[in-house]
Amino acid sequence: AAFLHGGLIWQLALHSLSFDHLPSVLDGILTEAVPFGHLLFWNDQTYYDDGLSDEEIDFICRTYYIEKPQSMDVVSWWPRPNTWDASGLNLGFWSARCEDWFQKCLDNI
C-alpha cells in the first residue's frame, strides 16, 4: 500500500524496502489485507483497496505524540501527507528537486 500511496510515503517505502519489492505491487491485494483495507462499491461490484491506516502513516513518517498538560504536540521526522501535499515539492512525480531535498534530510538524521 505504501508503494501505491505516492509522494513522500512512496519514497520512504522505496528507501526502506528497495526496488526489489516493487513487483509485488502488481500482484494485487493479499486476502490477508482485505480486513485492513477500504471496501469500495461501484457499479454493483465490490472492490478492496489496501490503503494505509493513519497508524501506518504515523509509523512510516516516524510520528510522535507528545502529551502536555493542556495539549498534545504532534511531531515527525518526515512530513505527513497533508504537509507534503501542500509543500511545493508535490508535483505528482518524484522530481530531482524532491530527491535533493530527501537526500539532504537523510544526511541530517
C-alpha atoms as a PDB file:
ATOM      1  CA  ALA A   1       0.000   0.000   0.000  1.00  0.00           C
ATOM      2  CA  ALA A   2       2.884   2.385   0.727  1.00  0.00           C
ATOM      3  CA  PHE A   3       4.273   1.945  -2.798  1.00  0.00           C
ATOM      4  CA  LEU A   4       0.877   2.875  -4.231  1.00  0.00           C
ATOM      5  CA  HIS A   5       0.429   5.864  -1.932  1.00  0.00           C
ATOM      6  CA  GLY A   6       2.820   8.049  -3.901  1.00  0.00           C
ATOM      7  CA  GLY A   7       4.752  11.104  -2.826  1.00  0.00           C
ATOM      8  CA  LEU A   8       6.998  11.002   0.190  1.00  0.00           C
ATOM      9  CA  ILE A   9       5.336   7.852   1.558  1.00  0.00           C
ATOM     10  CA  TRP A  10       6.315   6.059  -1.672  1.00  0.00           C
ATOM     11  CA  GLN A  11       9.891   7.337  -1.394  1.00  0.00           C
ATOM     12  CA  LEU A  12      10.211   6.309   2.254  1.00  0.00           C
ATOM     13  CA  ALA A  13       8.925   2.812   1.416  1.00  0.00           C
ATOM     14  CA  LEU A  14      11.274   2.576  -1.539  1.00  0.00           C
ATOM     15  CA  HIS A  15      14.207   3.736   0.589  1.00  0.00           C
ATOM     16  CA  SER A  16      13.391   1.188   3.305  1.00  0.00           C
ATOM     17  CA  LEU A  17      12.491  -1.815   1.154  1.00  0.00           C
ATOM     18  CA  SER A  18      14.337  -1.199  -2.156  1.00  0.00           C
ATOM     19  CA  PHE A  19      13.282  -1.663  -5.750  1.00  0.00           C
ATOM     20  CA  ASP A  20      13.220  -5.449  -5.263  1.00  0.00           C
ATOM     21  CA  HIS A  21       9.789  -5.195  -3.640  1.00  0.00           C
ATOM     22  CA  LEU A  22       8.158  -3.158  -6.418  1.00  0.00           C
ATOM     23  CA  PRO A  23       6.981  -6.179  -8.490  1.00  0.00           C
ATOM     24  CA  SER A  24       4.859  -7.320  -5.533  1.00  0.00           C
ATOM     25  CA  VAL A  25       2.705  -4.212  -6.052  1.00  0.00           C
ATOM     26  CA  LEU A  26       1.458  -5.728  -9.301  1.00  0.00           C
ATOM     27  CA  ASP A  27       0.327  -8.919  -7.549  1.00  0.00           C
ATOM     28  CA  GLY A  28      -2.737  -7.168  -6.195  1.00  0.00           C
ATOM     29  CA  ILE A  29      -4.163  -7.188  -2.715  1.00  0.00           C
ATOM     30  CA  LEU A  30      -3.484 -10.147  -0.474  1.00  0.00           C
ATOM     31  CA  THR A  31      -6.504 -11.848   1.040  1.00  0.00           C
ATOM     32  CA  GLU A  32      -4.924 -11.258   4.451  1.00  0.00           C
ATOM     33  CA  ALA A  33      -5.028  -7.497   3.811  1.00  0.00           C
ATOM     34  CA  VAL A  34      -8.732  -7.286   2.959  1.00  0.00           C
ATOM     35  CA  PRO A  35      -9.937  -6.662   6.549  1.00  0.00           C
ATOM     36  CA  PHE A  36      -7.464  -3.771   6.839  1.00  0.00           C
ATOM     37  CA  GLY A  37      -8.215  -2.071   3.533  1.00  0.00           C
ATOM     38  CA  HIS A  38     -11.011   0.046   2.174  1.00  0.00           C
ATOM     39  CA  LEU A  39     -14.173  -1.587   0.907  1.00  0.00           C
ATOM     40  CA  LEU A  40     -15.439   0.105  -2.263  1.00  0.00           C
ATOM     41  CA  PHE A  41     -18.745  -0.418  -4.045  1.00  0.00           C
ATOM     42  CA  TRP A  42     -19.059   0.728  -7.654  1.00  0.00           C
ATOM     43  CA  ASN A  43     -21.421  -0.364 -10.446  1.00  0.00           C
ATOM     44  CA  ASP A  44     -22.801  -3.208  -8.331  1.00  0.00           C
ATOM     45  CA  GLN A  45     -19.266  -4.543  -7.822  1.00  0.00           C
ATOM     46  CA  THR A  46     -17.244  -4.838  -4.631  1.00  0.00           C
ATOM     47  CA  TYR A  47     -13.598  -3.812  -4.615  1.00  0.00           C
ATOM     48  CA  TYR A  48     -10.922  -3.677  -1.951  1.00  0.00           C
ATOM     49  CA  ASP A  49      -8.148  -1.133  -1.751  1.00  0.00           C
ATOM     50  CA  ASP A  50      -5.310  -1.826   0.645  1.00  0.00           C
ATOM     51  CA  GLY A  51      -4.807   1.783   1.685  1.00  0.00           C
ATOM     52  CA  LEU A  52      -2.711   2.828   4.644  1.00  0.00           C
ATOM     53  CA  SER A  53      -4.219   3.459   8.045  1.00  0.00           C
ATOM     54  CA  ASP A  54      -3.367   6.613   9.989  1.00  0.00           C
ATOM     55  CA  GLU A  55      -1.269   4.466  12.320  1.00  0.00           C
ATOM     56  CA  GLU A  56       0.731   3.078   9.384  1.00  0.00           C
ATOM     57  CA  ILE A  57       1.325   6.580   8.024  1.00  0.00           C
ATOM     58  CA  ASP A  58       2.418   7.667  11.513  1.00  0.00           C
ATOM     59  CA  PHE A  59       4.876   4.765  11.610  1.00  0.00           C
ATOM     60  CA  ILE A  60       6.299   5.482   8.144  1.00  0.00           C
ATOM     61  CA  CYS A  61       6.709   9.205   8.897  1.00  0.00           C
ATOM     62  CA  ARG A  62       8.086   8.453  12.377  1.00  0.00           C
ATOM     63  CA  THR A  63       5.366  10.479  14.082  1.00  0.00           C
ATOM     64  CA  TYR A  64       5.376  11.073  17.823  1.00  0.00           C
ATOM     65  CA  TYR A  65       2.556  12.340  20.012  1.00  0.00           C
ATOM     66  CA  ILE A  66       3.863  14.317  22.966  1.00  0.00           C
ATOM     67  CA  GLU A  67       1.323  14.789  25.711  1.00  0.00           C
ATOM     68  CA  LYS A  68       1.404  18.118  27.523  1.00  0.00           C
ATOM     69  CA  PRO A  69      -0.792  19.272  30.415  1.00  0.00           C
ATOM     70  CA  GLN A  70      -3.229  21.176  28.196  1.00  0.00           C
ATOM     71  CA  SER A  71      -2.499  19.842  24.716  1.00  0.00           C
ATOM     72  CA  MET A  72      -0.897  17.220  22.517  1.00  0.00           C
ATOM     73  CA  ASP A  73       2.026  18.041  20.212  1.00  0.00           C
ATOM     74  CA  VAL A  74       2.430  16.035  17.026  1.00  0.00           C
ATOM     75  CA  VAL A  75       5.970  15.892  15.663  1.00  0.00           C
ATOM     76  CA  SER A  76       7.515  13.696  13.000  1.00  0.00           C
ATOM     77  CA  TRP A  77      10.833  13.066  11.325  1.00  0.00           C
ATOM     78  CA  TRP A  78       9.189  13.297   7.914  1.00  0.00           C
ATOM     79  CA  PRO A  79       6.314  15.498   6.733  1.00  0.00           C
ATOM     80  CA  ARG A  80       2.955  13.769   6.912  1.00  0.00           C
ATOM     81  CA  PRO A  81       0.993  13.504   3.649  1.00  0.00           C
ATOM     82  CA  ASN A  82      -1.106  16.645   4.211  1.00  0.00           C
ATOM     83  CA  THR A  83       2.066  18.701   4.764  1.00  0.00           C
ATOM     84  CA  TRP A  84       3.808  17.082   1.781  1.00  0.00           C
ATOM     85  CA  ASP A  85       0.790  17.745  -0.452  1.00  0.00           C
ATOM     86  CA  ALA A  86       0.867  21.438   0.431  1.00  0.00           C
ATOM     87  CA  SER A  87       4.665  21.781   0.167  1.00  0.00           C
ATOM     88  CA  GLY A  88       5.720  22.901  -3.296  1.00  0.00           C
ATOM     89  CA  LEU A  89       7.536  19.610  -3.788  1.00  0.00           C
ATOM     90  CA  ASN A  90       4.395  17.607  -4.530  1.00  0.00           C
ATOM     91  CA  LEU A  91       4.337  17.777  -8.325  1.00  0.00           C
ATOM     92  CA  GLY A  92       2.667  14.436  -8.972  1.00  0.00           C
ATOM     93  CA  PHE A  93       6.007  12.734  -9.622  1.00  0.00           C
ATOM     94  CA  TRP A  94       9.323  12.340  -7.810  1.00  0.00           C
ATOM     95  CA  SER A  95      11.485  15.110  -9.270  1.00  0.00           C
ATOM     96  CA  ALA A  96      15.214  15.798  -8.989  1.00  0.00           C
ATOM     97  CA  ARG A  97      14.323  18.592  -6.561  1.00  0.00           C
ATOM     98  CA  CYS A  98      12.405  16.096  -4.396  1.00  0.00           C
ATOM     99  CA  GLU A  99      15.387  13.747  -4.432  1.00  0.00           C
ATOM    100  CA  ASP A 100      17.780  16.545  -3.449  1.00  0.00           C
ATOM    101  CA  TRP A 101      15.519  17.505  -0.551  1.00  0.00           C
ATOM    102  CA  PHE A 102      15.178  13.866   0.520  1.00  0.00           C
ATOM    103  CA  GLN A 103      18.925  13.252   0.457  1.00  0.00           C
ATOM    104  CA  LYS A 104      19.604  16.412   2.498  1.00  0.00           C
ATOM    105  CA  CYS A 105      17.074  15.259   5.090  1.00  0.00           C
ATOM    106  CA  LEU A 106      18.706  11.825   5.250  1.00  0.00           C
ATOM    107  CA  ASP A 107      22.083  13.474   5.784  1.00  0.00           C
ATOM    108  CA  ASN A 108      20.645  15.372   8.775  1.00  0.00           C
ATOM    109  CA  ILE A 109      19.347  12.253  10.511  1.00  0.00           C
END
